[in-house]
N, C-alpha and C. Protein backbone atom coordinates (compact mmCIF):
# COMPACT_ATOMS: atom_id res chain seq x y z
N UNK A 1 -8.81 9.16 -15.05
CA UNK A 1 -8.13 10.61 -14.28
C UNK A 1 -6.72 10.35 -13.44
N UNK A 2 -5.95 10.57 -13.72
CA UNK A 2 -4.45 10.20 -13.21
C UNK A 2 -5.05 11.01 -12.04
N UNK A 3 -4.51 10.57 -10.78
CA UNK A 3 -4.43 11.89 -9.78
C UNK A 3 -3.14 11.85 -8.72
N UNK A 4 -2.38 12.80 -8.76
CA UNK A 4 -1.57 12.55 -7.78
C UNK A 4 -1.29 13.49 -6.29
N UNK A 5 -1.47 12.96 -5.45
CA UNK A 5 -1.97 13.43 -4.27
C UNK A 5 -0.98 13.53 -3.17
N UNK A 6 -0.74 14.76 -2.33
CA UNK A 6 0.81 15.38 -2.17
C UNK A 6 1.02 14.72 -0.51
N UNK A 7 1.47 13.55 0.21
CA UNK A 7 2.25 12.92 1.54
C UNK A 7 2.24 13.56 1.97
N UNK A 8 3.22 14.71 1.99
CA UNK A 8 4.07 14.62 2.42
C UNK A 8 4.30 15.28 3.96
N UNK A 9 5.08 14.48 5.13
CA UNK A 9 4.68 14.65 6.41
C UNK A 9 3.24 13.70 6.54
N UNK A 10 2.57 13.08 5.84
CA UNK A 10 1.51 11.92 6.77
C UNK A 10 2.28 11.42 7.32
N UNK A 11 1.39 10.50 8.21
CA UNK A 11 1.76 9.16 9.07
C UNK A 11 0.59 8.07 8.86
N UNK A 12 -0.57 8.21 7.00
CA UNK A 12 -0.94 7.32 6.35
C UNK A 12 -2.00 6.74 7.64
N UNK A 13 -2.11 7.62 8.70
CA UNK A 13 -3.46 7.02 9.24
C UNK A 13 -4.53 7.80 9.54
N UNK A 14 -4.11 8.48 8.51
CA UNK A 14 -5.43 10.16 9.00
C UNK A 14 -6.41 10.16 8.35
N UNK A 15 -8.23 10.05 8.77
CA UNK A 15 -9.04 10.55 9.00
C UNK A 15 -9.40 11.19 7.36
N UNK A 16 -8.58 11.80 6.51
CA UNK A 16 -8.23 12.86 5.62
C UNK A 16 -7.56 12.73 4.33
N UNK A 17 -6.57 11.32 4.62
CA UNK A 17 -5.84 11.17 3.95
C UNK A 17 -5.78 9.94 3.16
N UNK A 18 -4.55 8.75 2.97
CA UNK A 18 -4.65 7.86 1.90
C UNK A 18 -4.47 6.30 3.23
N UNK A 19 -4.48 5.44 3.10
CA UNK A 19 -4.62 4.07 3.77
C UNK A 19 -3.40 3.14 2.67
N UNK A 20 -2.69 2.83 3.38
CA UNK A 20 -2.43 1.88 3.12
C UNK A 20 -2.08 0.31 4.11
N UNK A 21 -3.12 0.57 4.65
CA UNK A 21 -2.95 -0.29 6.32
C UNK A 21 -4.03 -2.05 5.77
N UNK A 22 -3.94 -2.77 6.67
CA UNK A 22 -5.05 -3.96 6.41
C UNK A 22 -5.50 -4.40 4.82
N UNK A 23 -4.31 -5.25 4.16
CA UNK A 23 -4.84 -5.80 3.24
C UNK A 23 -3.77 -5.16 2.17
N UNK A 24 -3.66 -4.38 2.40
CA UNK A 24 -3.29 -3.74 0.64
C UNK A 24 -1.79 -4.66 0.39
N UNK A 25 -1.19 -4.21 -0.25
CA UNK A 25 -0.30 -5.17 -0.54
C UNK A 25 0.75 -4.29 -1.40
N UNK A 26 2.15 -3.95 -0.70
CA UNK A 26 3.02 -2.71 -1.81
C UNK A 26 4.07 -4.59 -2.52
N UNK A 27 4.76 -3.20 -3.49
CA UNK A 27 5.18 -4.02 -4.66
C UNK A 27 6.77 -2.99 -4.07
N UNK A 28 7.39 -3.04 -3.14
CA UNK A 28 8.92 -2.80 -2.74
C UNK A 28 10.12 -4.17 -2.89
N UNK A 29 11.36 -3.71 -3.49
CA UNK A 29 12.06 -4.64 -3.02
C UNK A 29 12.88 -3.69 -2.56
N UNK A 30 13.38 -4.88 -1.64
CA UNK A 30 14.01 -4.40 -0.43
C UNK A 30 16.08 -4.79 -1.09
N UNK A 31 15.86 -3.67 -1.85
CA UNK A 31 17.05 -3.51 -1.98
C UNK A 31 19.01 -3.24 -1.25
N UNK A 32 19.90 -3.63 -1.85
CA UNK A 32 21.18 -3.73 -0.89
C UNK A 32 21.53 -2.39 -0.18
N UNK A 33 21.42 -0.77 -0.86
CA UNK A 33 21.34 -0.25 -0.64
C UNK A 33 20.30 0.79 -1.02
N UNK A 34 19.65 1.75 -0.50
CA UNK A 34 18.53 1.99 -0.17
C UNK A 34 19.41 3.20 -1.29
N UNK A 35 18.05 3.58 -2.54
CA UNK A 35 18.11 4.67 -3.25
C UNK A 35 17.67 6.59 -2.60
N UNK A 36 17.98 7.25 -2.92
CA UNK A 36 17.93 8.48 -2.62
C UNK A 36 16.24 8.35 -3.06
N UNK A 37 15.87 7.46 -3.77
CA UNK A 37 14.23 8.08 -4.36
C UNK A 37 14.00 6.99 -4.46
N UNK A 38 13.10 6.69 -4.04
CA UNK A 38 12.51 5.33 -4.09
C UNK A 38 11.16 5.29 -4.10
N UNK A 39 10.36 4.62 -5.34
CA UNK A 39 9.43 3.91 -5.33
C UNK A 39 8.99 3.17 -5.83
N UNK A 40 7.35 3.12 -5.62
CA UNK A 40 7.37 1.15 -5.52
C UNK A 40 5.73 1.08 -5.80
N UNK A 41 4.85 0.05 -6.53
CA UNK A 41 3.25 0.40 -6.80
C UNK A 41 2.63 -0.45 -5.34
N UNK A 42 1.46 -0.14 -5.19
CA UNK A 42 0.74 -0.26 -3.83
C UNK A 42 -0.66 -0.74 -5.03
N UNK A 43 -1.02 -2.10 -4.33
CA UNK A 43 -2.10 -2.43 -4.69
C UNK A 43 -3.21 -2.44 -4.08
N UNK A 44 -4.60 -1.81 -4.17
CA UNK A 44 -5.33 -2.24 -2.87
C UNK A 44 -5.78 -0.23 -1.83
N UNK A 45 -4.64 0.54 -2.28
CA UNK A 45 -4.54 0.99 -1.34
C UNK A 45 -5.98 2.26 -1.06
N UNK A 46 -6.17 2.76 -0.17
CA UNK A 46 -7.68 3.22 0.37
C UNK A 46 -7.68 4.37 0.54
N UNK A 47 -8.58 5.66 -0.20
CA UNK A 47 -8.85 6.96 0.41
C UNK A 47 -9.66 6.93 1.43
N UNK A 48 -9.80 7.69 2.32
CA UNK A 48 -9.86 8.08 3.95
C UNK A 48 -11.24 8.63 4.15
N UNK A 49 -12.16 8.25 4.20
CA UNK A 49 -13.77 9.10 4.41
C UNK A 49 -13.73 10.24 4.11
N UNK A 50 -12.46 10.96 4.88
CA UNK A 50 -12.52 12.34 4.72
C UNK A 50 -11.59 13.11 3.88
N UNK A 51 -10.66 12.28 2.69
CA UNK A 51 -10.70 12.56 2.00
C UNK A 51 -11.06 14.27 1.66
N UNK A 52 -10.35 15.14 0.97
CA UNK A 52 -10.47 15.90 0.19
C UNK A 52 -11.28 16.22 -1.58
N UNK A 53 -11.89 15.30 -2.17
CA UNK A 53 -11.41 15.42 -3.40
C UNK A 53 -11.44 16.90 -4.04
N UNK A 54 -12.59 17.90 -3.97
CA UNK A 54 -12.00 18.99 -4.14
C UNK A 54 -10.36 19.26 -5.03
N UNK A 55 -9.88 19.29 -3.42
CA UNK A 55 -8.60 19.42 -4.36
C UNK A 55 -8.01 19.15 -5.79
N UNK A 56 -9.13 17.90 -6.14
CA UNK A 56 -7.62 16.83 -7.39
C UNK A 56 -9.43 16.95 -8.58
N UNK A 57 -10.72 17.43 -8.46
CA UNK A 57 -12.04 17.23 -9.17
C UNK A 57 -13.35 17.88 -8.40
N UNK A 58 -14.23 17.93 -9.27
CA UNK A 58 -15.24 18.24 -8.94
C UNK A 58 -16.29 16.67 -9.06
N UNK A 59 -16.76 16.29 -7.85
CA UNK A 59 -17.61 15.19 -8.13
C UNK A 59 -18.51 15.38 -8.59
N UNK A 60 -18.95 16.51 -8.51
CA UNK A 60 -20.46 16.67 -9.38
C UNK A 60 -19.93 16.43 -11.24
N UNK A 61 -19.11 16.04 -11.42
CA UNK A 61 -18.46 15.51 -13.00
C UNK A 61 -17.96 14.64 -12.93
N UNK A 62 -17.88 13.29 -11.67
CA UNK A 62 -17.98 12.32 -11.63
C UNK A 62 -18.67 11.89 -11.02
N UNK A 63 -19.79 11.13 -11.72
CA UNK A 63 -20.78 11.04 -11.11
C UNK A 63 -21.06 9.23 -10.52
N UNK A 64 -19.12 8.32 -11.11
CA UNK A 64 -19.41 7.12 -10.06
C UNK A 64 -18.24 7.55 -8.80
N UNK A 65 -18.12 8.54 -9.45
CA UNK A 65 -17.50 8.63 -7.36
C UNK A 65 -18.69 9.88 -6.58
N UNK A 66 -18.60 10.12 -7.55
CA UNK A 66 -20.06 10.74 -6.14
C UNK A 66 -20.82 9.73 -5.63
N UNK A 67 -21.46 8.65 -6.01
CA UNK A 67 -22.15 7.81 -6.32
C UNK A 67 -21.01 6.62 -5.15
N UNK A 68 -20.29 6.17 -4.81
CA UNK A 68 -19.59 6.23 -4.01
C UNK A 68 -19.47 6.28 -2.77
N UNK A 69 -19.72 7.57 -3.11
CA UNK A 69 -19.36 8.55 -1.22
C UNK A 69 -20.58 8.70 -1.03
N UNK A 70 -21.62 8.24 -1.42
CA UNK A 70 -22.87 8.31 -1.38
C UNK A 70 -22.69 7.29 -0.60
N UNK A 71 -22.59 6.09 -1.34
CA UNK A 71 -22.99 4.95 0.37
C UNK A 71 -22.75 4.76 1.02
N UNK A 72 -21.31 4.19 0.27
CA UNK A 72 -20.46 4.47 2.38
C UNK A 72 -19.31 5.81 2.74
N UNK A 73 -20.52 6.56 2.70
CA UNK A 73 -19.26 8.41 3.15
C UNK A 73 -18.72 7.45 4.79
N UNK A 74 -18.91 6.69 5.53
CA UNK A 74 -18.06 6.62 6.62
C UNK A 74 -16.83 5.42 6.29
N UNK A 75 -17.41 5.19 5.13
CA UNK A 75 -16.00 4.36 4.53
C UNK A 75 -14.66 4.47 4.00
N UNK A 76 -14.24 3.72 3.61
CA UNK A 76 -12.43 4.77 3.16
C UNK A 76 -12.93 4.64 1.41
N UNK A 77 -12.44 4.61 0.57
CA UNK A 77 -12.54 4.62 -0.89
C UNK A 77 -11.70 3.61 -1.29
N UNK A 78 -11.60 2.19 -1.93
CA UNK A 78 -11.21 1.27 -2.33
C UNK A 78 -10.73 2.25 -3.40
N UNK A 79 -9.09 1.52 -3.80
CA UNK A 79 -8.39 1.54 -5.44
C UNK A 79 -8.39 0.16 -5.92
N UNK A 80 -9.25 -0.25 -6.37
CA UNK A 80 -9.21 -1.42 -7.10
C UNK A 80 -8.14 -1.86 -7.94
N UNK A 81 -7.13 -1.76 -7.67
CA UNK A 81 -6.11 -0.96 -8.86
C UNK A 81 -4.27 -0.89 -8.28
N UNK A 82 -3.38 -0.62 -9.66
CA UNK A 82 -1.99 -0.50 -8.62
C UNK A 82 -2.04 1.50 -8.33
N UNK A 83 -1.46 1.77 -7.48
CA UNK A 83 -1.51 3.68 -6.93
C UNK A 83 0.91 3.43 -6.90
N UNK A 84 1.12 4.11 -7.09
CA UNK A 84 2.56 4.61 -7.27
C UNK A 84 2.46 5.29 -5.93
N UNK A 85 3.47 5.13 -5.64
CA UNK A 85 3.86 6.50 -4.34
C UNK A 85 6.06 5.92 -4.25
N UNK A 86 5.73 8.03 -4.57
CA UNK A 86 7.24 8.21 -4.24
C UNK A 86 7.69 8.83 -3.11
N UNK A 87 8.84 8.68 -2.24
CA UNK A 87 9.91 9.12 -1.28
C UNK A 87 11.04 9.90 -1.95
N UNK A 88 10.77 10.71 -2.04
CA UNK A 88 11.97 11.98 -2.16
C UNK A 88 13.21 12.34 -1.39
N UNK A 89 14.75 12.44 -1.59
CA UNK A 89 15.34 12.41 -1.01
C UNK A 89 15.32 11.54 1.07
N UNK A 90 14.84 9.90 -0.04
CA UNK A 90 15.51 9.27 1.51
C UNK A 90 16.87 9.24 2.03
N UNK A 91 16.31 9.34 3.33
CA UNK A 91 18.17 9.01 4.20
C UNK A 91 18.21 7.58 4.69
N UNK A 92 17.12 6.77 5.25
CA UNK A 92 17.40 5.82 5.63
C UNK A 92 15.93 5.26 5.58
N UNK A 93 15.67 3.32 6.20
CA UNK A 93 14.95 2.98 6.56
C UNK A 93 14.80 1.50 7.25
N UNK A 94 13.89 0.67 7.42
CA UNK A 94 13.24 -0.41 8.59
C UNK A 94 12.96 -1.50 8.13
N UNK A 95 12.88 -2.50 7.01
CA UNK A 95 11.77 -3.16 7.01
C UNK A 95 11.69 -4.88 8.02
N UNK A 96 10.14 -5.05 8.17
CA UNK A 96 10.78 -6.27 9.10
C UNK A 96 8.96 -7.00 7.99
N UNK A 97 9.70 -8.21 7.65
CA UNK A 97 8.49 -9.48 7.02
C UNK A 97 8.29 -10.65 7.84
N UNK A 98 6.80 -10.45 7.99
CA UNK A 98 7.16 -12.06 8.30
C UNK A 98 6.35 -12.81 7.22
N UNK A 99 6.76 -13.73 6.97
CA UNK A 99 6.16 -14.53 5.70
C UNK A 99 5.29 -15.60 5.94
N UNK A 100 4.21 -15.45 4.94
CA UNK A 100 2.85 -15.94 5.42
C UNK A 100 2.89 -17.48 3.84
N UNK A 101 2.33 -18.34 4.70
CA UNK A 101 2.13 -19.70 3.62
C UNK A 101 0.17 -19.38 4.31
N UNK A 102 -0.49 -19.45 3.30
CA UNK A 102 -2.06 -20.02 3.33
C UNK A 102 -2.20 -19.12 4.18
N UNK A 103 -2.45 -18.50 4.62
CA UNK A 103 -2.61 -17.35 5.52
C UNK A 103 -2.11 -17.64 7.08
N UNK A 104 -1.81 -18.30 7.10
CA UNK A 104 -0.56 -18.62 8.42
C UNK A 104 0.91 -18.02 8.57
N UNK A 105 1.41 -17.67 9.49
CA UNK A 105 3.07 -17.49 9.79
C UNK A 105 3.59 -18.72 10.10
N UNK A 106 5.04 -18.50 9.15
CA UNK A 106 5.83 -19.76 9.08
C UNK A 106 6.27 -19.45 10.48
N UNK A 107 6.65 -20.19 11.04
CA UNK A 107 7.24 -20.42 12.02
C UNK A 107 8.65 -21.72 12.07
N UNK A 108 9.66 -21.49 13.08
CA UNK A 108 11.77 -22.05 13.07
C UNK A 108 10.81 -22.99 13.82
N UNK A 109 12.17 -23.58 14.10
CA UNK A 109 11.73 -24.68 14.69
C UNK A 109 11.47 -24.36 16.14
N UNK A 110 11.51 -23.84 16.50
CA UNK A 110 11.48 -23.83 17.89
C UNK A 110 9.86 -22.70 18.31
N UNK A 111 9.58 -22.59 16.58
CA UNK A 111 8.14 -22.23 17.38
C UNK A 111 8.17 -20.97 17.08
N UNK A 112 8.57 -20.19 17.05
CA UNK A 112 8.62 -18.94 16.83
C UNK A 112 8.45 -18.07 15.69
N UNK A 113 8.03 -17.09 15.52
CA UNK A 113 7.31 -16.53 13.73
C UNK A 113 8.68 -15.70 13.10
N UNK A 114 9.05 -17.12 11.91
CA UNK A 114 10.19 -16.62 11.30
C UNK A 114 10.00 -14.54 10.65
N UNK A 115 11.20 -13.95 11.12
CA UNK A 115 11.38 -12.38 10.56
C UNK A 115 11.86 -12.70 9.55
N UNK A 116 12.24 -11.72 8.04
CA UNK A 116 13.27 -11.39 7.67
C UNK A 116 13.14 -10.08 7.43
N UNK A 117 14.16 -8.93 8.30
CA UNK A 117 14.69 -7.49 8.22
C UNK A 117 15.91 -7.16 8.09
N UNK A 118 15.66 -6.30 7.07
CA UNK A 118 16.87 -5.46 6.67
C UNK A 118 16.62 -3.75 7.57
N UNK A 119 17.91 -3.07 7.97
CA UNK A 119 17.87 -1.80 8.21
C UNK A 119 18.79 -1.50 6.99
N UNK A 120 18.64 -0.45 6.60
CA UNK A 120 20.53 0.99 5.96
C UNK A 120 20.27 2.40 6.66
N UNK A 121 21.75 2.16 6.72
CA UNK A 121 21.54 3.94 7.41
C UNK A 121 21.06 4.66 8.28
N UNK A 122 20.10 3.53 8.90
CA UNK A 122 19.57 4.79 10.80
C UNK A 122 20.55 5.71 11.11
N UNK A 123 21.83 4.90 11.52
CA UNK A 123 22.40 6.28 12.20
C UNK A 123 22.80 7.13 11.17
N UNK A 124 22.52 7.80 10.36
CA UNK A 124 22.38 9.24 8.93
C UNK A 124 20.35 9.97 9.74
N UNK A 125 19.89 9.28 10.33
CA UNK A 125 18.89 10.83 10.71
C UNK A 125 19.06 11.65 11.81
N UNK A 126 18.23 12.31 11.41
CA UNK A 126 17.97 13.78 12.42
C UNK A 126 17.46 14.35 11.87
N UNK A 127 17.26 15.22 13.26
CA UNK A 127 15.81 15.55 13.31
C UNK A 127 15.28 16.30 12.16
N UNK A 128 15.92 16.61 10.37
CA UNK A 128 15.22 16.98 9.55
C UNK A 128 14.29 15.83 9.06
N UNK A 129 14.88 14.44 9.56
CA UNK A 129 13.42 13.44 8.48
C UNK A 129 12.21 13.20 9.11
N UNK A 130 11.54 13.00 8.26
CA UNK A 130 10.07 12.91 8.88
C UNK A 130 9.95 11.14 9.13
N UNK A 131 9.51 10.63 9.86
CA UNK A 131 9.35 8.75 9.66
C UNK A 131 7.91 8.10 9.00
N UNK A 132 7.90 7.30 8.12
CA UNK A 132 6.28 7.15 7.35
C UNK A 132 6.70 5.84 7.74
N UNK A 133 5.78 5.22 8.01
CA UNK A 133 5.57 3.40 8.23
C UNK A 133 4.08 3.26 7.36
N UNK A 134 4.49 2.00 6.76
CA UNK A 134 3.44 1.70 6.42
C UNK A 134 3.64 0.25 6.46
N UNK A 135 2.69 -0.14 7.65
CA UNK A 135 2.28 -1.93 8.29
C UNK A 135 1.00 -2.12 7.13
N UNK A 136 1.67 -2.99 6.72
CA UNK A 136 0.41 -3.46 5.27
C UNK A 136 1.42 -5.70 5.06
N UNK A 137 1.25 -5.01 3.89
CA UNK A 137 1.39 -6.77 3.21
C UNK A 137 2.46 -6.98 1.87
N UNK A 138 3.32 -7.55 1.33
CA UNK A 138 3.95 -6.88 0.46
C UNK A 138 4.36 -7.98 -0.05
N UNK A 139 4.58 -8.50 -0.91
CA UNK A 139 4.58 -9.37 -2.80
C UNK A 139 5.13 -10.37 -2.33
N UNK A 140 6.86 -9.97 -1.64
CA UNK A 140 7.70 -11.43 -2.13
C UNK A 140 9.18 -10.22 -0.94
N UNK A 141 8.94 -11.35 -0.24
CA UNK A 141 8.93 -12.17 -0.07
C UNK A 141 6.91 -12.05 0.95
N UNK A 142 6.41 -12.96 -0.18
CA UNK A 142 5.04 -12.86 0.90
C UNK A 142 4.51 -12.97 2.16
N UNK A 143 4.12 -11.87 2.83
CA UNK A 143 4.16 -11.97 3.57
C UNK A 143 3.47 -10.03 4.47
N UNK A 144 3.06 -10.37 6.36
CA UNK A 144 2.30 -8.90 6.38
C UNK A 144 3.85 -8.57 6.57
N UNK A 145 4.14 -7.10 6.31
CA UNK A 145 5.01 -6.17 6.28
C UNK A 145 5.12 -4.58 7.27
N UNK A 146 6.09 -4.19 7.95
CA UNK A 146 6.41 -2.77 8.53
C UNK A 146 7.49 -2.31 7.95
N UNK A 147 7.53 -1.33 7.08
CA UNK A 147 8.49 -0.57 6.36
C UNK A 147 8.28 0.61 6.85
N UNK A 148 9.16 1.33 7.52
CA UNK A 148 9.70 2.78 7.68
C UNK A 148 10.26 3.06 6.99
N UNK A 149 10.49 4.18 6.32
CA UNK A 149 11.23 4.97 5.49
C UNK A 149 11.51 6.43 5.89
N UNK A 150 12.43 7.50 6.14
CA UNK A 150 13.43 7.94 6.47
C UNK A 150 13.66 8.72 6.14
N UNK A 151 12.49 9.93 6.15
CA UNK A 151 13.38 11.14 3.80
C UNK A 151 12.63 12.25 4.30
N UNK A 152 13.60 13.60 3.77
CA UNK A 152 13.71 15.02 3.90
C UNK A 152 12.57 15.36 2.62
N UNK A 153 12.36 14.68 1.45
CA UNK A 153 12.12 14.69 1.02
C UNK A 153 10.24 14.58 0.57
N UNK A 154 9.78 15.35 -0.41
CA UNK A 154 8.28 15.60 -0.83
C UNK A 154 8.16 13.62 -0.48
N UNK A 155 7.15 13.47 -0.32
CA UNK A 155 6.60 12.20 -0.72
C UNK A 155 4.50 12.81 -1.57
N UNK A 156 5.09 11.99 -2.81
CA UNK A 156 3.35 12.05 -4.15
C UNK A 156 2.22 10.01 -4.06
N UNK A 157 1.17 10.37 -4.12
CA UNK A 157 0.93 8.40 -4.72
C UNK A 157 0.11 9.42 -5.38
N UNK A 158 0.01 8.80 -7.04
CA UNK A 158 -0.03 8.50 -8.18
C UNK A 158 -1.30 7.24 -7.99
N UNK A 159 -2.74 7.79 -8.50
CA UNK A 159 -3.47 6.48 -9.00
C UNK A 159 -4.43 7.04 -9.98
N UNK A 160 -5.41 6.07 -10.77
CA UNK A 160 -6.26 6.31 -11.21
C UNK A 160 -7.97 6.62 -10.47
N UNK A 161 -8.64 7.45 -11.19
CA UNK A 161 -10.27 7.39 -10.46
C UNK A 161 -10.35 6.39 -11.28
N UNK A 162 -10.24 6.04 -12.13
CA UNK A 162 -11.15 4.49 -12.37
C UNK A 162 -11.29 3.70 -11.53
N UNK A 163 -10.18 3.54 -11.16
CA UNK A 163 -10.23 2.31 -10.29
C UNK A 163 -10.34 2.17 -8.78
N UNK A 164 -11.29 2.98 -9.03
CA UNK A 164 -11.94 3.53 -7.72
C UNK A 164 -13.39 2.68 -7.06
N UNK A 165 -13.45 1.74 -6.11
CA UNK A 165 -14.45 1.45 -6.10
C UNK A 165 -15.06 1.54 -4.53
N UNK A 166 -16.20 1.64 -4.06
CA UNK A 166 -16.88 1.21 -2.75
C UNK A 166 -16.83 0.12 -2.41
N UNK A 167 -15.37 0.58 -0.50
CA UNK A 167 -14.86 -0.33 -0.10
C UNK A 167 -15.70 -1.81 0.39
N UNK A 168 -17.17 -1.37 0.92
CA UNK A 168 -18.51 -2.31 1.55
C UNK A 168 -18.07 -3.42 0.12
N UNK A 169 -17.80 -3.00 -1.13
CA UNK A 169 -18.61 -4.07 -2.18
C UNK A 169 -17.12 -4.50 -2.25
N UNK A 170 -16.34 -3.70 -2.30
CA UNK A 170 -13.92 -4.72 -2.70
C UNK A 170 -14.15 -5.49 -1.32
N UNK A 171 -14.44 -5.30 -0.02
CA UNK A 171 -14.13 -5.93 0.57
C UNK A 171 -15.19 -7.10 1.13
N UNK A 172 -16.02 -7.56 0.07
CA UNK A 172 -17.21 -9.00 0.03
C UNK A 172 -17.69 -8.91 -0.97
N UNK A 173 -16.49 -8.63 -2.33
CA UNK A 173 -16.70 -9.84 -2.94
C UNK A 173 -16.63 -10.71 -4.02
N UNK A 174 -17.46 -11.79 -3.80
CA UNK A 174 -16.97 -13.08 -3.44
C UNK A 174 -15.31 -13.70 -4.74
N UNK A 175 -15.32 -12.40 -5.71
CA UNK A 175 -14.57 -12.86 -6.69
C UNK A 175 -12.95 -11.88 -5.93
N UNK A 176 -12.50 -12.23 -5.18
CA UNK A 176 -11.54 -11.67 -4.06
C UNK A 176 -10.06 -12.74 -5.42
N UNK A 177 -10.22 -12.53 -6.06
CA UNK A 177 -8.92 -12.68 -7.47
C UNK A 177 -9.75 -11.82 -8.09
N UNK A 178 -10.00 -10.53 -8.10
CA UNK A 178 -10.33 -9.49 -8.51
C UNK A 178 -9.24 -7.68 -7.48
N UNK A 179 -10.16 -8.41 -6.58
CA UNK A 179 -10.40 -7.53 -5.37
C UNK A 179 -8.35 -7.59 -4.67
N UNK A 180 -9.06 -8.25 -4.09
CA UNK A 180 -7.18 -9.12 -2.79
C UNK A 180 -6.54 -9.19 -3.44
N UNK A 181 -6.13 -9.51 -4.31
CA UNK A 181 -5.81 -10.72 -4.45
C UNK A 181 -5.73 -10.42 -6.91
N UNK A 182 -5.96 -9.19 -7.36
CA UNK A 182 -6.32 -8.34 -8.50
C UNK A 182 -4.87 -8.56 -8.75
N UNK A 183 -4.18 -8.29 -8.48
CA UNK A 183 -2.30 -8.00 -9.31
C UNK A 183 -1.91 -8.78 -10.00
N UNK A 184 -2.00 -10.33 -8.92
CA UNK A 184 -1.84 -11.33 -10.31
C UNK A 184 -2.31 -11.35 -11.49
N UNK A 185 -3.31 -10.77 -11.64
CA UNK A 185 -3.12 -10.53 -13.17
C UNK A 185 -1.92 -9.68 -14.22
N UNK A 186 -1.90 -9.03 -13.44
CA UNK A 186 -0.17 -8.01 -14.29
C UNK A 186 1.21 -9.51 -14.38
N UNK A 187 0.84 -9.71 -14.74
CA UNK A 187 2.36 -10.71 -15.93
C UNK A 187 3.17 -10.12 -15.31
N UNK A 188 3.96 -8.79 -15.50
CA UNK A 188 4.58 -8.18 -15.72
C UNK A 188 5.51 -8.14 -14.48
N UNK A 189 4.63 -7.57 -13.81
CA UNK A 189 4.78 -7.16 -12.30
C UNK A 189 5.30 -8.29 -11.58
N UNK A 190 4.62 -9.72 -11.40
CA UNK A 190 4.36 -10.81 -10.49
C UNK A 190 5.26 -11.77 -10.94
N UNK A 191 5.18 -11.96 -12.26
CA UNK A 191 6.66 -13.10 -13.37
C UNK A 191 5.71 -13.86 -12.95
N UNK A 192 4.06 -14.05 -12.43
CA UNK A 192 4.18 -15.57 -12.37
C UNK A 192 4.22 -16.40 -11.41
N UNK A 193 5.15 -15.58 -9.75
CA UNK A 193 5.10 -16.46 -8.76
C UNK A 193 4.69 -16.91 -8.05
N UNK A 194 3.49 -16.35 -8.41
CA UNK A 194 2.49 -16.97 -7.15
C UNK A 194 0.92 -16.84 -7.83
N UNK A 195 0.74 -18.47 -7.50
CA UNK A 195 -1.31 -18.63 -8.06
C UNK A 195 -1.77 -17.89 -7.18
N UNK A 196 -3.21 -17.82 -7.55
CA UNK A 196 -3.78 -16.96 -6.56
C UNK A 196 -4.58 -18.21 -5.82
N UNK A 197 -4.49 -19.62 -5.75
CA UNK A 197 -4.86 -20.49 -4.93
C UNK A 197 -3.25 -21.07 -3.88
N UNK A 198 -2.65 -20.23 -4.46
CA UNK A 198 -1.34 -19.74 -2.63
C UNK A 198 -1.53 -19.04 -1.83
N UNK A 199 -2.19 -17.81 -2.23
CA UNK A 199 -2.45 -16.85 -1.18
C UNK A 199 -3.88 -16.47 -0.88
N UNK A 200 -4.72 -17.66 -1.31
CA UNK A 200 -5.69 -17.21 -0.70
C UNK A 200 -6.59 -17.76 -0.37
N UNK A 201 -5.65 -19.51 0.60
CA UNK A 201 -6.27 -21.21 0.79
C UNK A 201 -7.65 -20.55 2.07
N UNK A 202 -7.80 -22.19 1.39
CA UNK A 202 -9.54 -22.16 1.67
C UNK A 202 -9.87 -23.04 2.67
């Protein structure tokens, strides 16, 4: 079942909301010009413990979801799949990416961590803008990512409840190719740019 969550003016760290932190991966393209509507896929987003399912469905009619919430009520519910987040009336933005290689941050010849940065029209930010901050991972260039978007419009997040799993099962699953790096199976989106062995180095 597809669910659309309104995240307008959310800070993504609310006990009742959606989280994109801690090993979630975004498929955001850092374009030269930031469009008014910014939409991209997110792998592995989480629904926080206080997320109110009753706004979208009756848990009594969804036994799988009900069991997940009963098994780990104090943990987020993981989405083992893609969700799509859409920001409307985007005014400005900035991104910092720290590329990773085998879980290690790349460093320059002076021993400092490499940082890729881009900014868009920060001078246009005014009191009508709301700052949305995603502290997460990015697929390309692969690494740790700090993305801030400043928008005046609505923000929506769509996901499929069929992809929801127990968070504890998600993080302890020995087959990380299905959990943390499950997105690599989508060859259309990932274009076989990376292999599992390149990302989850032992």
